[in-house]
Amino acid sequence: MRNLFAAALFLGLTSLAGAFANDEGVTETPLGIPVWQPSQDTEIRYDIFRKGKPFGTHVSQFSVGEGGALEVRHEIELKAKIGPITVYKYSHMATEVWDGARLVSLRGATEKNGDEITVSAKAQEDALVVSGTNFDGKVDADIVPATHWNIRQMYEGGLLSTEGGQTLDVVVEELGRETLTIAGESVETTKFSLAADLTVILWYDDTGRWVKCAFSARGQDIEYELQALY
């Protein structure tokens, strides 16, 4: 699938201090939502459900290295069975490294029912050089990977697939406010539609944290349930 979410899932948020500071010095996206700042050892852990039944997990882990570089490690595991027989298996691992607001490297490896897809990318002067199963070449230096933790994807016209390395064109629509219950807590959120050839619904709280995701593919409803607020 070419769409950013189907490519990455079915089958990152960088430090932006000062990038969108208002007169009071509060960092915000152009959408008015504060930019969430990950800290050392932050973990985002989702249970994934297909038609209401367990389908897999999505885990994103954040660490800050020497010089303040942010590393984000993603691991997605999906499995569907009919009785004791596995009919669909998906495994995806990716690592993003950020220097401030710029992605400096990306590595990704995906296996879908035995098919392997890879991507690697590295910042070079005013571009990001990509080598992937679906694309080889240079892309814009400011491109954001298609990993939904990073709210910057809501105002970028194109995202980078962490599967095969291709650029994904998207259209974003703000759908309004919604109160969710996350791990027993009431959370105020802004709801978005992010569309390519598949439409993904995403929720971010008022600190810019990604807290929910849902979409339909091939007539099946997929939903992410956050295990705990981070």
Protein backbone atom coordinates (compact mmCIF):
# COMPACT_ATOMS: atom_id res chain seq x y z
CA MET A 1 0.00 0.00 0.00
CA ARG A 2 1.32 3.44 -0.85
CA ASN A 3 -0.42 5.45 1.83
CA LEU A 4 1.68 6.59 4.79
CA PHE A 5 -0.24 4.60 7.37
CA ALA A 6 -0.88 1.47 5.38
CA ALA A 7 2.75 1.47 4.33
CA ALA A 8 3.97 1.83 7.88
CA LEU A 9 1.39 -0.15 9.81
CA PHE A 10 -1.22 -2.30 8.09
CA LEU A 11 -0.37 -4.57 6.67
CA GLY A 12 8.17 10.30 14.75
CA LEU A 13 8.31 14.39 17.94
CA THR A 14 11.51 16.15 17.31
CA SER A 15 12.75 19.03 19.43
CA LEU A 16 11.41 22.19 17.78
CA ALA A 17 12.21 24.72 20.45
CA GLY A 18 11.96 28.18 18.98
CA ALA A 19 10.69 26.98 15.61
CA PHE A 20 7.16 28.26 16.21
CA ALA A 21 7.52 30.41 19.32
CA ASN A 22 4.83 33.02 19.93
CA ASP A 23 5.31 36.35 21.72
CA GLU A 24 5.27 34.58 25.10
CA GLY A 25 7.94 32.13 23.97
CA VAL A 26 5.57 29.13 23.91
CA THR A 27 6.41 26.71 21.14
CA GLU A 28 3.41 25.78 18.98
CA THR A 29 2.61 24.22 15.63
CA PRO A 30 0.86 26.37 13.00
CA LEU A 31 -2.32 24.60 14.16
CA GLY A 32 -2.00 26.20 17.59
CA ILE A 33 -1.21 22.94 19.42
CA PRO A 34 1.90 23.02 21.65
CA VAL A 35 4.83 20.97 20.41
CA TRP A 36 5.31 17.92 22.60
CA GLN A 37 8.90 17.52 23.80
CA PRO A 38 9.96 13.90 24.40
CA SER A 39 12.23 13.18 27.33
CA GLN A 40 14.72 10.42 28.07
CA ASP A 41 13.16 6.95 28.17
CA THR A 42 9.68 8.08 27.10
CA GLU A 43 7.69 5.18 25.67
CA ILE A 44 4.48 5.15 23.62
CA ARG A 45 2.81 1.73 23.69
CA TYR A 46 -0.34 0.89 21.74
CA ASP A 47 -2.45 -2.23 21.55
CA ILE A 48 -3.88 -2.64 18.05
CA PHE A 49 -7.31 -4.12 17.40
CA ARG A 50 -8.85 -5.40 14.16
CA LYS A 51 -12.64 -5.57 14.18
CA GLY A 52 -12.46 -5.28 17.96
CA LYS A 53 -10.08 -8.20 18.41
CA PRO A 54 -6.35 -8.11 19.30
CA PHE A 55 -4.22 -7.65 16.20
CA GLY A 56 -0.82 -6.53 17.46
CA THR A 57 1.24 -3.82 19.13
CA HIS A 58 3.02 -0.60 18.23
CA VAL A 59 5.80 0.66 20.51
CA SER A 60 7.85 3.86 20.10
CA GLN A 61 10.77 4.52 22.46
CA PHE A 62 12.65 7.81 22.82
CA SER A 63 16.17 8.46 24.07
CA VAL A 64 18.44 11.49 24.07
CA GLY A 65 22.09 10.91 23.26
CA GLU A 66 25.28 12.89 23.40
CA GLY A 67 24.92 16.39 22.06
CA GLY A 68 21.15 16.25 22.53
CA ALA A 69 20.41 14.08 19.48
CA LEU A 70 16.99 12.46 19.75
CA GLU A 71 16.64 8.79 18.79
CA VAL A 72 13.21 7.28 18.23
CA ARG A 73 12.87 3.50 17.87
CA HIS A 74 9.65 1.98 16.52
CA GLU A 75 8.53 -1.63 16.57
CA ILE A 76 5.23 -2.86 15.12
CA GLU A 77 4.05 -6.47 15.21
CA LEU A 78 0.76 -7.57 13.62
CA LYS A 79 -0.70 -11.04 13.24
CA ALA A 80 -4.06 -12.34 12.03
CA LYS A 81 -5.20 -15.93 12.42
CA ILE A 82 -8.04 -18.12 11.25
CA GLY A 83 -8.23 -20.69 14.00
CA PRO A 84 -4.68 -21.93 14.65
CA ILE A 85 -3.43 -20.83 11.20
CA THR A 86 -1.63 -17.48 10.76
CA VAL A 87 -2.96 -15.84 7.59
CA TYR A 88 -1.24 -12.46 7.91
CA LYS A 89 2.01 -11.45 9.60
CA TYR A 90 3.65 -8.05 9.62
CA SER A 91 6.83 -6.90 11.39
CA HIS A 92 8.27 -3.40 11.16
CA MET A 93 11.25 -1.79 12.86
CA ALA A 94 12.50 1.74 12.27
CA THR A 95 14.88 4.18 13.93
CA GLU A 96 14.84 7.96 13.48
CA VAL A 97 17.67 10.25 14.64
CA TRP A 98 17.03 13.98 14.94
CA ASP A 99 19.35 16.94 15.43
CA GLY A 100 17.01 19.69 16.58
CA ALA A 101 14.28 20.07 13.98
CA ARG A 102 16.10 18.10 11.29
CA LEU A 103 15.97 14.39 10.58
CA VAL A 104 19.60 13.30 10.18
CA SER A 105 19.12 9.58 9.64
CA LEU A 106 16.48 6.89 9.24
CA ARG A 107 16.67 3.09 9.07
CA GLY A 108 13.71 0.81 8.48
CA ALA A 109 13.16 -2.90 7.89
CA THR A 110 9.78 -4.49 7.22
CA GLU A 111 8.57 -8.02 6.62
CA LYS A 112 5.06 -8.65 5.29
CA ASN A 113 4.13 -12.28 4.84
CA GLY A 114 7.72 -13.10 3.95
CA ASP A 115 8.36 -10.07 1.69
CA GLU A 116 11.19 -7.83 2.90
CA ILE A 117 11.25 -4.04 2.43
CA THR A 118 14.02 -1.72 3.62
CA VAL A 119 14.98 1.93 3.72
CA SER A 120 17.94 3.98 4.90
CA ALA A 121 18.37 7.74 4.74
CA LYS A 122 20.99 10.25 5.77
CA ALA A 123 21.10 14.04 5.85
CA GLN A 124 23.50 15.56 3.33
CA GLU A 125 23.85 19.33 2.96
CA ASP A 126 20.41 20.62 1.94
CA ALA A 127 18.75 17.24 1.29
CA LEU A 128 18.03 13.83 2.72
CA VAL A 129 19.58 11.04 0.66
CA VAL A 130 17.31 7.99 0.60
CA SER A 131 18.05 4.42 -0.43
CA GLY A 132 14.98 2.22 -0.26
CA THR A 133 13.07 -0.61 -1.85
CA ASN A 134 10.60 1.85 -3.39
CA PHE A 135 12.80 4.92 -3.91
CA ASP A 136 16.43 5.93 -4.32
CA GLY A 137 17.41 9.59 -4.44
CA LYS A 138 17.22 12.92 -2.68
CA VAL A 139 14.20 14.38 -0.88
CA ASP A 140 13.62 17.66 0.92
CA ALA A 141 15.76 18.09 4.02
CA ASP A 142 12.72 19.08 6.08
CA ILE A 143 10.65 15.98 5.31
CA VAL A 144 9.03 14.18 8.24
CA PRO A 145 8.80 10.36 8.52
CA ALA A 146 5.32 8.84 8.45
CA THR A 147 5.33 7.96 12.15
CA HIS A 148 2.31 9.55 13.77
CA TRP A 149 3.92 10.58 17.07
CA ASN A 150 5.31 13.64 15.28
CA ILE A 151 2.61 16.30 14.99
CA ARG A 152 4.62 18.06 12.30
CA GLN A 153 3.06 15.64 9.83
CA MET A 154 -0.16 17.64 10.16
CA TYR A 155 1.24 20.59 8.24
CA GLU A 156 3.68 18.91 5.84
CA GLY A 157 2.53 18.28 2.28
CA GLY A 158 4.64 15.15 1.94
CA LEU A 159 5.88 12.49 4.34
CA LEU A 160 8.62 9.87 4.08
CA SER A 161 7.64 6.20 4.18
CA THR A 162 9.56 4.29 6.83
CA GLU A 163 8.99 1.12 4.84
CA GLY A 164 10.26 1.64 1.30
CA GLY A 165 11.48 5.25 1.35
CA GLN A 166 8.99 6.80 -1.06
CA THR A 167 7.45 10.24 -0.52
CA LEU A 168 3.75 10.15 0.42
CA ASP A 169 1.42 13.01 -0.52
CA VAL A 170 -1.22 13.71 2.13
CA VAL A 171 -4.20 15.99 2.74
CA VAL A 172 -5.01 16.99 6.33
CA GLU A 173 -8.36 18.16 7.70
CA GLU A 174 -9.04 19.27 11.26
CA LEU A 175 -12.23 17.58 12.47
CA GLY A 176 -12.75 19.44 15.75
CA ARG A 177 -12.48 18.76 19.46
CA GLU A 178 -13.23 15.48 21.22
CA THR A 179 -12.95 14.24 24.79
CA LEU A 180 -11.46 10.74 25.05
CA THR A 181 -10.95 8.35 27.93
CA ILE A 182 -7.35 7.13 27.82
CA ALA A 183 -6.25 4.53 30.39
CA GLY A 184 -9.07 5.70 32.66
CA GLU A 185 -8.29 9.41 32.31
CA SER A 186 -10.36 12.06 30.54
CA VAL A 187 -8.28 13.76 27.84
CA GLU A 188 -9.19 16.75 25.68
CA THR A 189 -8.04 16.26 22.10
CA THR A 190 -8.08 17.68 18.59
CA LYS A 191 -9.16 15.21 15.92
CA PHE A 192 -7.67 15.11 12.42
CA SER A 193 -8.17 13.30 9.15
CA LEU A 194 -4.96 12.52 7.28
CA ALA A 195 -5.75 11.26 3.79
CA ALA A 196 -3.90 9.73 0.87
CA ASP A 197 -5.29 6.56 -0.75
CA LEU A 198 -6.27 5.56 2.79
CA THR A 199 -7.77 7.95 5.36
CA VAL A 200 -6.40 7.78 8.89
CA ILE A 201 -8.08 9.48 11.85
CA LEU A 202 -5.65 10.78 14.47
CA TRP A 203 -6.13 12.42 17.86
CA TYR A 204 -3.62 14.70 19.64
CA ASP A 205 -4.04 16.10 23.13
CA ASP A 206 -3.45 19.72 24.11
CA THR A 207 0.25 19.10 24.74
CA GLY A 208 0.74 17.69 21.24
CA ARG A 209 0.87 14.03 22.29
CA TRP A 210 -0.48 11.43 19.86
CA VAL A 211 -3.13 9.54 21.83
CA LYS A 212 -5.31 7.59 19.38
CA CYS A 213 -5.57 6.35 15.82
CA ALA A 214 -8.25 4.61 13.76
CA PHE A 215 -8.81 3.71 10.12
CA SER A 216 -10.58 1.24 7.87
CA ALA A 217 -8.83 -0.94 5.30
CA ARG A 218 -10.35 -3.62 3.10
CA GLY A 219 -13.59 -3.33 5.06
CA GLN A 220 -11.85 -3.93 8.39
CA ASP A 221 -11.81 -1.41 11.24
CA ILE A 222 -8.37 -0.93 12.83
CA GLU A 223 -7.99 0.95 16.11
CA TYR A 224 -5.03 1.88 18.28
CA GLU A 225 -5.60 1.89 22.04
CA LEU A 226 -2.97 3.67 24.14
CA GLN A 227 -1.97 1.54 27.12
CA ALA A 228 -0.98 4.51 29.31
CA LEU A 229 -0.50 8.25 28.96
CA TYR A 230 3.14 9.18 28.50
